[in-house]
Amino acid sequence: MHPTQKHSAQQVKYIEANGIHIHYEDYGSGYPLLLLHGGTANSESWTAHIPLLAQHFSVFVLDTRGHGKTDNPTGVLSYSVLADDVTAFIQA
């Protein structure tokens, strides 16, 4: 697959974790690999990398609170809250 082509998710999902609905997609199989976007980005920032990584790993990409397709109903956004969200996502 050419890196600029849109990849096909095995499943596009939402999971309830830490009181919000977190949007994520998963690809491939194998050892789990969680990709987190930075700053003002969203999960689409990983698009070019997913095809290669999914050949070797079970890749999970998520939109963090208030980014992409993940809501932020409380309006609260801090590194501590984002870390709690990721921890809850992993536990779920």
N, C-alpha and C. Protein backbone atom coordinates (compact mmCIF):
# COMPACT_ATOMS: atom_id res chain seq x y z
N MET A 1 0.85 -1.18 0.00
CA MET A 1 0.00 0.00 0.00
C MET A 1 0.89 1.23 0.00
N HIS A 2 0.59 2.15 -0.85
CA HIS A 2 1.32 3.40 -0.90
C HIS A 2 1.01 4.20 0.36
N PRO A 3 2.00 4.82 1.00
CA PRO A 3 1.79 5.50 2.28
C PRO A 3 0.71 6.57 2.25
N THR A 4 0.42 7.15 1.10
CA THR A 4 -0.59 8.21 1.08
C THR A 4 -1.99 7.68 0.87
N GLN A 5 -2.13 6.39 0.59
CA GLN A 5 -3.46 5.82 0.43
C GLN A 5 -4.11 5.65 1.80
N LYS A 6 -5.42 5.83 1.84
CA LYS A 6 -6.15 5.63 3.09
C LYS A 6 -6.13 4.15 3.45
N HIS A 7 -5.74 3.84 4.66
CA HIS A 7 -5.72 2.46 5.13
C HIS A 7 -7.11 2.04 5.55
N SER A 8 -7.35 0.76 5.57
CA SER A 8 -8.65 0.24 5.98
C SER A 8 -8.54 -0.33 7.38
N ALA A 9 -9.31 0.22 8.27
CA ALA A 9 -9.31 -0.26 9.65
C ALA A 9 -10.00 -1.60 9.73
N GLN A 10 -9.50 -2.46 10.61
CA GLN A 10 -10.23 -3.68 10.88
C GLN A 10 -11.56 -3.29 11.51
N GLN A 11 -11.52 -2.37 12.42
CA GLN A 11 -12.74 -1.87 13.03
C GLN A 11 -12.51 -0.46 13.55
N VAL A 12 -13.49 0.39 13.35
CA VAL A 12 -13.49 1.72 13.96
C VAL A 12 -14.39 1.61 15.18
N LYS A 13 -13.89 2.02 16.32
CA LYS A 13 -14.62 1.77 17.55
C LYS A 13 -14.60 2.98 18.48
N TYR A 14 -15.49 2.92 19.42
CA TYR A 14 -15.49 3.83 20.56
C TYR A 14 -15.50 2.97 21.81
N ILE A 15 -14.78 3.39 22.81
CA ILE A 15 -14.79 2.68 24.08
C ILE A 15 -15.01 3.70 25.18
N GLU A 16 -15.80 3.35 26.16
CA GLU A 16 -16.01 4.25 27.29
C GLU A 16 -14.89 4.01 28.29
N ALA A 17 -14.16 5.07 28.59
CA ALA A 17 -13.05 4.98 29.52
C ALA A 17 -12.86 6.34 30.18
N ASN A 18 -12.71 6.34 31.46
CA ASN A 18 -12.51 7.56 32.25
C ASN A 18 -13.63 8.57 32.03
N GLY A 19 -14.83 8.06 31.81
CA GLY A 19 -16.01 8.91 31.70
C GLY A 19 -16.24 9.55 30.34
N ILE A 20 -15.46 9.16 29.32
CA ILE A 20 -15.67 9.70 27.98
C ILE A 20 -15.70 8.57 26.95
N HIS A 21 -16.16 8.89 25.76
CA HIS A 21 -16.15 7.93 24.65
C HIS A 21 -14.91 8.21 23.81
N ILE A 22 -13.95 7.30 23.86
CA ILE A 22 -12.69 7.46 23.14
C ILE A 22 -12.79 6.75 21.80
N HIS A 23 -12.53 7.50 20.74
CA HIS A 23 -12.53 6.93 19.39
C HIS A 23 -11.17 6.28 19.14
N TYR A 24 -11.21 5.04 18.60
CA TYR A 24 -9.95 4.40 18.22
C TYR A 24 -10.18 3.48 17.03
N GLU A 25 -9.09 3.12 16.39
CA GLU A 25 -9.10 2.16 15.30
C GLU A 25 -8.02 1.14 15.58
N ASP A 26 -8.23 -0.08 15.09
CA ASP A 26 -7.18 -1.08 15.25
C ASP A 26 -6.90 -1.77 13.93
N TYR A 27 -5.64 -2.20 13.79
CA TYR A 27 -5.15 -2.77 12.54
C TYR A 27 -4.17 -3.90 12.86
N GLY A 28 -4.05 -4.85 11.94
CA GLY A 28 -3.03 -5.89 12.05
C GLY A 28 -3.25 -6.87 13.17
N SER A 29 -2.20 -7.60 13.48
CA SER A 29 -2.25 -8.57 14.57
C SER A 29 -0.83 -8.74 15.12
N GLY A 30 -0.79 -9.31 16.29
CA GLY A 30 0.50 -9.51 16.96
C GLY A 30 0.56 -8.73 18.25
N TYR A 31 1.77 -8.47 18.68
CA TYR A 31 1.99 -7.74 19.92
C TYR A 31 1.35 -6.35 19.82
N PRO A 32 0.62 -5.91 20.85
CA PRO A 32 -0.07 -4.61 20.76
C PRO A 32 0.89 -3.42 20.74
N LEU A 33 0.56 -2.46 19.90
CA LEU A 33 1.32 -1.22 19.78
C LEU A 33 0.31 -0.07 19.80
N LEU A 34 0.41 0.79 20.80
CA LEU A 34 -0.49 1.93 20.95
C LEU A 34 0.20 3.18 20.45
N LEU A 35 -0.39 3.84 19.44
CA LEU A 35 0.17 5.06 18.88
C LEU A 35 -0.61 6.26 19.39
N LEU A 36 0.09 7.20 20.00
CA LEU A 36 -0.53 8.40 20.55
C LEU A 36 -0.07 9.61 19.74
N HIS A 37 -1.02 10.41 19.32
CA HIS A 37 -0.68 11.62 18.57
C HIS A 37 -0.23 12.71 19.52
N GLY A 38 0.40 13.73 18.98
CA GLY A 38 0.87 14.84 19.79
C GLY A 38 -0.06 16.04 19.73
N GLY A 39 0.22 16.99 20.57
CA GLY A 39 -0.40 18.30 20.64
C GLY A 39 -1.77 18.48 20.03
N THR A 40 -1.82 19.22 18.95
CA THR A 40 -3.11 19.54 18.32
C THR A 40 -3.48 18.58 17.19
N ALA A 41 -2.79 17.46 17.08
CA ALA A 41 -3.05 16.48 16.02
C ALA A 41 -4.18 15.55 16.43
N ASN A 42 -4.37 14.49 15.65
CA ASN A 42 -5.31 13.41 15.99
C ASN A 42 -4.76 12.11 15.42
N SER A 43 -5.52 11.04 15.52
CA SER A 43 -5.03 9.73 15.10
C SER A 43 -4.64 9.66 13.63
N GLU A 44 -5.18 10.54 12.82
CA GLU A 44 -4.85 10.53 11.39
C GLU A 44 -3.39 10.88 11.13
N SER A 45 -2.71 11.43 12.11
CA SER A 45 -1.30 11.76 11.92
C SER A 45 -0.44 10.51 11.73
N TRP A 46 -0.99 9.35 12.06
CA TRP A 46 -0.28 8.07 11.93
C TRP A 46 -0.59 7.35 10.62
N THR A 47 -1.42 7.91 9.77
CA THR A 47 -1.90 7.24 8.56
C THR A 47 -0.77 6.64 7.72
N ALA A 48 0.27 7.37 7.48
CA ALA A 48 1.35 6.87 6.62
C ALA A 48 2.14 5.73 7.25
N HIS A 49 2.11 5.60 8.56
CA HIS A 49 2.90 4.61 9.27
C HIS A 49 2.16 3.30 9.53
N ILE A 50 0.85 3.35 9.56
CA ILE A 50 0.05 2.19 9.95
C ILE A 50 0.25 0.97 9.05
N PRO A 51 0.26 1.10 7.72
CA PRO A 51 0.39 -0.11 6.90
C PRO A 51 1.62 -0.95 7.23
N LEU A 52 2.77 -0.33 7.41
CA LEU A 52 3.98 -1.08 7.73
C LEU A 52 3.92 -1.65 9.15
N LEU A 53 3.50 -0.84 10.11
CA LEU A 53 3.43 -1.30 11.50
C LEU A 53 2.44 -2.44 11.67
N ALA A 54 1.33 -2.39 10.93
CA ALA A 54 0.30 -3.42 11.05
C ALA A 54 0.76 -4.77 10.50
N GLN A 55 1.83 -4.79 9.75
CA GLN A 55 2.38 -6.06 9.28
C GLN A 55 3.05 -6.83 10.40
N HIS A 56 3.38 -6.14 11.49
CA HIS A 56 4.14 -6.76 12.58
C HIS A 56 3.45 -6.67 13.94
N PHE A 57 2.48 -5.78 14.07
CA PHE A 57 1.87 -5.52 15.37
C PHE A 57 0.35 -5.42 15.27
N SER A 58 -0.30 -5.53 16.40
CA SER A 58 -1.71 -5.18 16.53
C SER A 58 -1.70 -3.69 16.92
N VAL A 59 -1.96 -2.84 15.94
CA VAL A 59 -1.80 -1.39 16.10
C VAL A 59 -3.11 -0.76 16.55
N PHE A 60 -3.04 0.05 17.60
CA PHE A 60 -4.17 0.80 18.10
C PHE A 60 -3.83 2.28 18.00
N VAL A 61 -4.69 3.05 17.32
CA VAL A 61 -4.53 4.50 17.25
C VAL A 61 -5.79 5.12 17.84
N LEU A 62 -5.62 6.11 18.68
CA LEU A 62 -6.79 6.72 19.30
C LEU A 62 -6.72 8.23 19.20
N ASP A 63 -7.88 8.83 19.28
CA ASP A 63 -7.99 10.28 19.38
C ASP A 63 -8.10 10.60 20.87
N THR A 64 -7.18 11.41 21.37
CA THR A 64 -7.25 11.75 22.79
C THR A 64 -8.38 12.74 23.05
N ARG A 65 -8.68 12.92 24.28
CA ARG A 65 -9.78 13.79 24.73
C ARG A 65 -9.76 15.14 24.02
N GLY A 66 -10.89 15.49 23.40
CA GLY A 66 -11.02 16.77 22.75
C GLY A 66 -10.33 16.86 21.39
N HIS A 67 -9.87 15.74 20.87
CA HIS A 67 -9.18 15.71 19.58
C HIS A 67 -9.88 14.72 18.66
N GLY A 68 -9.87 15.02 17.37
CA GLY A 68 -10.47 14.11 16.39
C GLY A 68 -11.91 13.81 16.73
N LYS A 69 -12.22 12.52 16.87
CA LYS A 69 -13.60 12.08 17.12
C LYS A 69 -13.87 11.73 18.57
N THR A 70 -12.96 12.10 19.47
CA THR A 70 -13.18 11.86 20.90
C THR A 70 -13.69 13.15 21.54
N ASP A 71 -14.74 13.00 22.32
CA ASP A 71 -15.36 14.16 22.95
C ASP A 71 -14.60 14.63 24.19
N ASN A 72 -14.98 15.76 24.69
CA ASN A 72 -14.45 16.30 25.93
C ASN A 72 -15.59 17.00 26.66
N PRO A 73 -16.52 16.22 27.20
CA PRO A 73 -17.73 16.82 27.77
C PRO A 73 -17.47 17.74 28.98
N THR A 74 -16.35 17.55 29.67
CA THR A 74 -16.08 18.37 30.85
C THR A 74 -15.36 19.67 30.49
N GLY A 75 -14.77 19.73 29.30
CA GLY A 75 -14.00 20.91 28.92
C GLY A 75 -12.63 20.96 29.58
N VAL A 76 -12.32 19.98 30.42
CA VAL A 76 -11.04 19.93 31.11
C VAL A 76 -10.02 19.24 30.21
N LEU A 77 -8.83 19.85 30.09
CA LEU A 77 -7.78 19.27 29.27
C LEU A 77 -6.44 19.55 29.93
N SER A 78 -5.77 18.49 30.36
CA SER A 78 -4.45 18.62 30.96
C SER A 78 -3.68 17.32 30.69
N TYR A 79 -2.38 17.36 30.85
CA TYR A 79 -1.59 16.14 30.64
C TYR A 79 -1.99 15.06 31.61
N SER A 80 -2.31 15.43 32.81
CA SER A 80 -2.74 14.45 33.82
C SER A 80 -4.04 13.76 33.41
N VAL A 81 -5.00 14.53 32.92
CA VAL A 81 -6.27 13.96 32.47
C VAL A 81 -6.05 13.08 31.26
N LEU A 82 -5.22 13.54 30.31
CA LEU A 82 -4.93 12.72 29.12
C LEU A 82 -4.26 11.41 29.51
N ALA A 83 -3.33 11.46 30.47
CA ALA A 83 -2.67 10.24 30.94
C ALA A 83 -3.68 9.29 31.59
N ASP A 84 -4.61 9.85 32.37
CA ASP A 84 -5.65 9.02 32.99
C ASP A 84 -6.52 8.38 31.93
N ASP A 85 -6.82 9.13 30.85
CA ASP A 85 -7.64 8.57 29.75
C ASP A 85 -6.93 7.40 29.08
N VAL A 86 -5.65 7.57 28.81
CA VAL A 86 -4.88 6.50 28.15
C VAL A 86 -4.79 5.27 29.07
N THR A 87 -4.56 5.50 30.35
CA THR A 87 -4.53 4.39 31.29
C THR A 87 -5.86 3.65 31.30
N ALA A 88 -6.97 4.39 31.34
CA ALA A 88 -8.30 3.77 31.34
C ALA A 88 -8.55 3.04 30.02
N PHE A 89 -8.08 3.60 28.90
CA PHE A 89 -8.22 2.95 27.60
C PHE A 89 -7.51 1.60 27.62
N ILE A 90 -6.29 1.57 28.10
CA ILE A 90 -5.50 0.32 28.16
C ILE A 90 -6.19 -0.69 29.05
N GLN A 91 -6.69 -0.25 30.19
CA GLN A 91 -7.37 -1.17 31.12
C GLN A 91 -8.66 -1.72 30.53
N ALA A 92 -9.36 -0.89 29.76
CA ALA A 92 -10.62 -1.34 29.16
C ALA A 92 -10.34 -2.34 28.06
